[in-house]
Amino acid sequence: MACLRINDSFLAGAERRLLARLVRRLPATATPDLLTAVGVAGAFLVAVGFVACRWSNFGLILVIAGLFLNWFGDSLDGTLARHRQIERPHYGYFIDHSADLIAQTLIVVGLGLSPFFTIPSALMVLSLYLLMSSYTYLRVVTESVHRLSYGGMGATEFRILVGTWSLVAAACGPRVAGAEFYGLNGLDLAIGLLSAATFLSFVGVVRNDLSRLRRLEPIREPIASAPGGALDGNLGQPLA
């Protein structure tokens, strides 16, 4: 879709340079759809690895490999289409973001099923991701602006955060996800507070955007009705 893409995440500049080098080295058999499938397969591998960590931390090998595959496929599918000038704007937008929703759900729910996180915390994180995704898609429709990052955090930074958290939690042991604070799960409490703060920030952003759109599209004065009453749009006769 024709829209302004904005990515001002912490790693955006370095990532763009790396992708530009990688895309020139992809074989002719690589296609955007194949890369999208690789990204989703990577997310599935992450989920499997997280569940496997309930029995052995060797499952982290699958997690890290899956996060890399998810980044590789998700970051290069659109890049390859633009590089080869074979974009299909509506089809590409639909399949890319549908795949993103599926992949991120697999990753976050998988994290919740691991010994490094909890399901309540994972569902809070997932709800915020879906909330921000909905807002992103609304801006694409209303302003033709596609924002890929918020507060310096994009998909790549999120993957790094998930991988880093998993490695640190595995090193620290069960106390990370199981610690209690005044009878409440400490992790759930921390994620809940962060989620609440993020939600309030989101409400503020929506209010600012509404104010801007209201200025761009002021209320128009209604068209005065014709003398003798409103007219029937079909017959052109006064309504009873």
Protein backbone atom coordinates (compact mmCIF):
# COMPACT_ATOMS: atom_id res chain seq x y z
CA MET A 1 0.00 0.00 0.00
CA ALA A 2 1.16 3.52 -0.80
CA CYS A 3 2.00 5.09 2.55
CA LEU A 4 4.82 6.74 4.43
CA ARG A 5 6.85 4.13 6.35
CA ILE A 6 8.40 5.36 9.60
CA ASN A 7 10.93 3.26 11.49
CA ASP A 8 12.95 5.18 14.07
CA SER A 9 13.80 2.24 16.31
CA PHE A 10 17.18 2.02 18.02
CA LEU A 11 18.57 -0.45 15.48
CA ALA A 12 16.74 0.76 12.36
CA GLY A 13 19.76 2.34 10.65
CA ALA A 14 22.10 -0.60 11.16
CA GLU A 15 19.34 -3.05 10.23
CA ARG A 16 18.60 -1.26 6.94
CA ARG A 17 22.26 -1.45 5.94
CA LEU A 18 22.44 -5.14 6.80
CA LEU A 19 19.23 -5.95 4.91
CA ALA A 20 20.49 -4.07 1.85
CA ARG A 21 23.54 -6.33 1.77
CA LEU A 22 21.61 -9.53 2.44
CA VAL A 23 18.91 -8.95 -0.16
CA ARG A 24 21.50 -8.71 -2.96
CA ARG A 25 22.84 -12.14 -2.00
CA LEU A 26 19.54 -14.01 -1.96
CA PRO A 27 19.22 -16.68 -4.68
CA ALA A 28 16.72 -16.25 -7.51
CA THR A 29 14.61 -19.05 -6.03
CA ALA A 30 13.90 -16.95 -2.93
CA THR A 31 10.54 -15.19 -3.12
CA PRO A 32 8.77 -12.78 -0.74
CA ASP A 33 6.10 -15.40 0.02
CA LEU A 34 8.78 -18.00 0.82
CA LEU A 35 10.46 -15.57 3.21
CA THR A 36 7.14 -14.80 4.89
CA ALA A 37 6.65 -18.55 5.41
CA VAL A 38 10.17 -18.79 6.88
CA GLY A 39 9.28 -16.04 9.35
CA VAL A 40 6.13 -17.82 10.53
CA ALA A 41 8.00 -21.15 10.74
CA GLY A 42 10.61 -19.42 12.90
CA ALA A 43 7.90 -18.18 15.27
CA PHE A 44 6.49 -21.70 15.51
CA LEU A 45 9.99 -22.97 16.35
CA VAL A 46 10.24 -20.34 19.09
CA ALA A 47 6.97 -21.54 20.64
CA VAL A 48 8.11 -25.19 20.51
CA GLY A 49 11.44 -24.25 22.08
CA PHE A 50 9.78 -22.36 24.92
CA VAL A 51 7.53 -25.30 25.75
CA ALA A 52 10.54 -27.64 25.57
CA CYS A 53 12.28 -25.46 28.17
CA ARG A 54 9.84 -26.81 30.75
CA TRP A 55 11.94 -29.97 30.65
CA SER A 56 15.36 -28.70 29.58
CA ASN A 57 17.02 -25.36 28.97
CA PHE A 58 18.41 -26.85 25.77
CA GLY A 59 15.09 -25.75 24.31
CA LEU A 60 16.63 -22.26 24.24
CA ILE A 61 18.62 -23.39 21.20
CA LEU A 62 15.32 -23.70 19.32
CA VAL A 63 14.17 -20.36 20.72
CA ILE A 64 17.23 -18.43 19.53
CA ALA A 65 17.26 -20.19 16.15
CA GLY A 66 13.55 -19.51 15.73
CA LEU A 67 13.92 -15.82 16.61
CA PHE A 68 16.65 -15.50 14.00
CA LEU A 69 14.53 -17.21 11.33
CA ASN A 70 11.56 -15.04 12.25
CA TRP A 71 13.68 -11.90 11.90
CA PHE A 72 15.24 -13.12 8.64
CA GLY A 73 11.95 -13.95 6.95
CA ASP A 74 9.90 -11.06 8.31
CA SER A 75 12.54 -8.41 7.61
CA LEU A 76 13.51 -9.56 4.14
CA ASP A 77 10.17 -10.41 2.50
CA GLY A 78 9.15 -6.82 1.84
CA THR A 79 12.76 -5.76 1.29
CA LEU A 80 13.13 -8.38 -1.46
CA ALA A 81 9.88 -7.32 -3.15
CA ARG A 82 10.99 -3.69 -3.23
CA HIS A 83 14.52 -4.62 -4.37
CA ARG A 84 13.20 -6.64 -7.32
CA GLN A 85 10.36 -4.18 -7.96
CA ILE A 86 7.75 -6.93 -7.76
CA GLU A 87 5.57 -5.36 -5.07
CA ARG A 88 1.92 -6.34 -4.87
CA PRO A 89 0.76 -3.55 -2.54
CA HIS A 90 -2.55 -4.91 -1.25
CA TYR A 91 -1.64 -8.61 -1.33
CA GLY A 92 1.77 -7.94 0.20
CA TYR A 93 0.36 -5.74 2.95
CA PHE A 94 -2.32 -8.29 3.81
CA ILE A 95 -0.08 -11.37 3.92
CA ASP A 96 2.79 -9.59 5.67
CA HIS A 97 0.73 -8.25 8.55
CA SER A 98 -1.43 -11.35 8.86
CA ALA A 99 1.80 -13.33 9.22
CA ASP A 100 3.06 -10.82 11.80
CA LEU A 101 -0.06 -11.26 13.93
CA ILE A 102 0.25 -15.06 13.80
CA ALA A 103 4.00 -15.02 14.48
CA GLN A 104 3.89 -12.62 17.42
CA THR A 105 1.01 -14.54 18.98
CA LEU A 106 3.02 -17.77 18.74
CA ILE A 107 6.11 -16.12 20.25
CA VAL A 108 4.35 -14.39 23.15
CA VAL A 109 2.06 -17.31 24.07
CA GLY A 110 5.04 -19.65 23.80
CA LEU A 111 6.94 -17.41 26.21
CA GLY A 112 3.98 -17.59 28.61
CA LEU A 113 4.08 -21.38 28.50
CA SER A 114 7.79 -21.44 29.31
CA PRO A 115 9.26 -21.51 32.84
CA PHE A 116 10.59 -17.97 32.26
CA PHE A 117 7.28 -16.14 32.18
CA THR A 118 3.62 -16.54 33.15
CA ILE A 119 0.46 -16.83 31.07
CA PRO A 120 -1.16 -13.73 32.66
CA SER A 121 1.92 -11.64 31.86
CA ALA A 122 2.12 -13.05 28.34
CA LEU A 123 -1.54 -12.23 27.68
CA MET A 124 -1.02 -8.66 28.90
CA VAL A 125 1.96 -8.26 26.56
CA LEU A 126 -0.02 -9.79 23.69
CA SER A 127 -3.00 -7.51 24.30
CA LEU A 128 -0.72 -4.47 24.14
CA TYR A 129 0.85 -5.74 20.92
CA LEU A 130 -2.57 -6.22 19.34
CA LEU A 131 -3.66 -2.80 20.60
CA MET A 132 -0.67 -1.06 19.01
CA SER A 133 -1.10 -3.10 15.83
CA SER A 134 -4.71 -1.97 15.56
CA TYR A 135 -3.62 1.64 16.04
CA THR A 136 -0.94 1.23 13.37
CA TYR A 137 -3.46 -0.12 10.87
CA LEU A 138 -5.89 2.71 11.68
CA ARG A 139 -3.20 5.28 10.88
CA VAL A 140 -2.47 3.55 7.58
CA VAL A 141 -6.13 3.98 6.60
CA THR A 142 -6.71 7.48 7.97
CA GLU A 143 -3.34 9.15 7.30
CA SER A 144 -1.39 6.81 4.97
CA VAL A 145 1.32 6.59 7.63
CA HIS A 146 2.76 3.21 8.56
CA ARG A 147 4.71 3.47 11.81
CA LEU A 148 6.95 0.45 12.46
CA SER A 149 8.28 1.45 15.87
CA TYR A 150 7.19 3.18 19.05
CA GLY A 151 9.48 4.65 21.68
CA GLY A 152 12.52 3.29 19.86
CA MET A 153 11.13 -0.25 19.98
CA GLY A 154 10.37 -2.17 16.81
CA ALA A 155 9.97 -5.83 15.95
CA THR A 156 13.73 -6.44 15.94
CA GLU A 157 14.22 -4.90 19.36
CA PHE A 158 11.29 -6.94 20.67
CA ARG A 159 12.88 -10.19 19.45
CA ILE A 160 16.18 -9.25 21.10
CA LEU A 161 14.33 -8.45 24.32
CA VAL A 162 12.54 -11.83 24.28
CA GLY A 163 15.79 -13.71 23.64
CA THR A 164 17.74 -11.77 26.27
CA TRP A 165 15.02 -12.19 28.89
CA SER A 166 14.91 -15.94 28.24
CA LEU A 167 18.66 -16.36 28.61
CA VAL A 168 18.80 -14.27 31.78
CA ALA A 169 15.78 -16.05 33.30
CA ALA A 170 17.30 -19.44 32.49
CA ALA A 171 20.54 -18.40 34.21
CA CYS A 172 18.72 -17.06 37.28
CA GLY A 173 16.40 -20.03 37.69
CA PRO A 174 12.73 -20.37 38.68
CA ARG A 175 12.79 -17.48 41.15
CA VAL A 176 12.50 -14.98 38.27
CA ALA A 177 8.99 -16.03 37.24
CA GLY A 178 7.94 -17.37 40.63
CA ALA A 179 8.97 -14.60 43.01
CA GLU A 180 6.12 -13.16 45.10
CA PHE A 181 5.53 -9.64 46.38
CA TYR A 182 2.96 -9.30 49.19
CA GLY A 183 1.27 -12.49 48.05
CA LEU A 184 1.22 -11.49 44.37
CA ASN A 185 3.37 -12.83 41.60
CA GLY A 186 6.12 -10.25 41.24
CA LEU A 187 6.48 -10.68 37.48
CA ASP A 188 2.74 -10.32 36.88
CA LEU A 189 2.68 -7.22 39.08
CA ALA A 190 5.59 -5.60 37.22
CA ILE A 191 4.18 -6.42 33.78
CA GLY A 192 0.75 -5.22 34.90
CA LEU A 193 2.12 -1.85 36.01
CA LEU A 194 4.09 -1.44 32.79
CA SER A 195 1.02 -2.42 30.77
CA ALA A 196 -1.12 0.13 32.60
CA ALA A 197 1.45 2.88 31.98
CA THR A 198 1.68 1.92 28.31
CA PHE A 199 -2.11 1.92 27.97
CA LEU A 200 -2.37 5.39 29.50
CA SER A 201 0.32 6.62 27.10
CA PHE A 202 -1.63 5.09 24.24
CA VAL A 203 -4.78 6.95 25.30
CA GLY A 204 -2.78 10.19 25.29
CA VAL A 205 -1.46 9.50 21.79
CA VAL A 206 -4.99 8.79 20.53
CA ARG A 207 -6.24 12.07 22.02
CA ASN A 208 -3.46 14.00 20.29
CA ASP A 209 -4.18 12.31 16.97
CA LEU A 210 -7.89 13.05 17.31
CA SER A 211 -7.13 16.72 17.95
CA ARG A 212 -4.94 16.87 14.84
CA LEU A 213 -7.55 15.12 12.67
CA ARG A 214 -10.27 17.42 14.02
CA ARG A 215 -8.26 20.42 12.84
CA LEU A 216 -7.67 18.84 9.44
CA GLU A 217 -11.34 17.89 9.05
CA PRO A 218 -13.46 20.56 10.77
CA ILE A 219 -17.20 20.02 11.16
CA ARG A 220 -19.08 21.24 8.13
CA GLU A 221 -22.27 23.24 8.38
CA PRO A 222 -25.29 21.12 7.41
CA ILE A 223 -26.94 21.91 4.10
CA ALA A 224 -30.08 23.94 4.70
CA SER A 225 -33.30 22.08 3.88
CA ALA A 226 -35.39 23.32 0.97
CA PRO A 227 -38.45 25.46 1.77
CA GLY A 228 -41.58 23.44 2.39
CA GLY A 229 -39.83 20.52 4.07
CA ALA A 230 -37.25 17.90 3.26
CA LEU A 231 -37.36 16.39 -0.20
CA ASP A 232 -37.59 12.70 -0.93
CA GLY A 233 -34.33 11.82 -2.64
CA ASN A 234 -36.11 9.46 -5.06
CA LEU A 235 -39.24 11.37 -6.05
CA GLY A 236 -38.25 14.95 -5.45
CA GLN A 237 -41.50 15.55 -3.55
CA PRO A 238 -41.95 16.97 -0.06
CA LEU A 239 -42.08 14.26 2.60
CA ALA A 240 -45.22 13.99 4.72
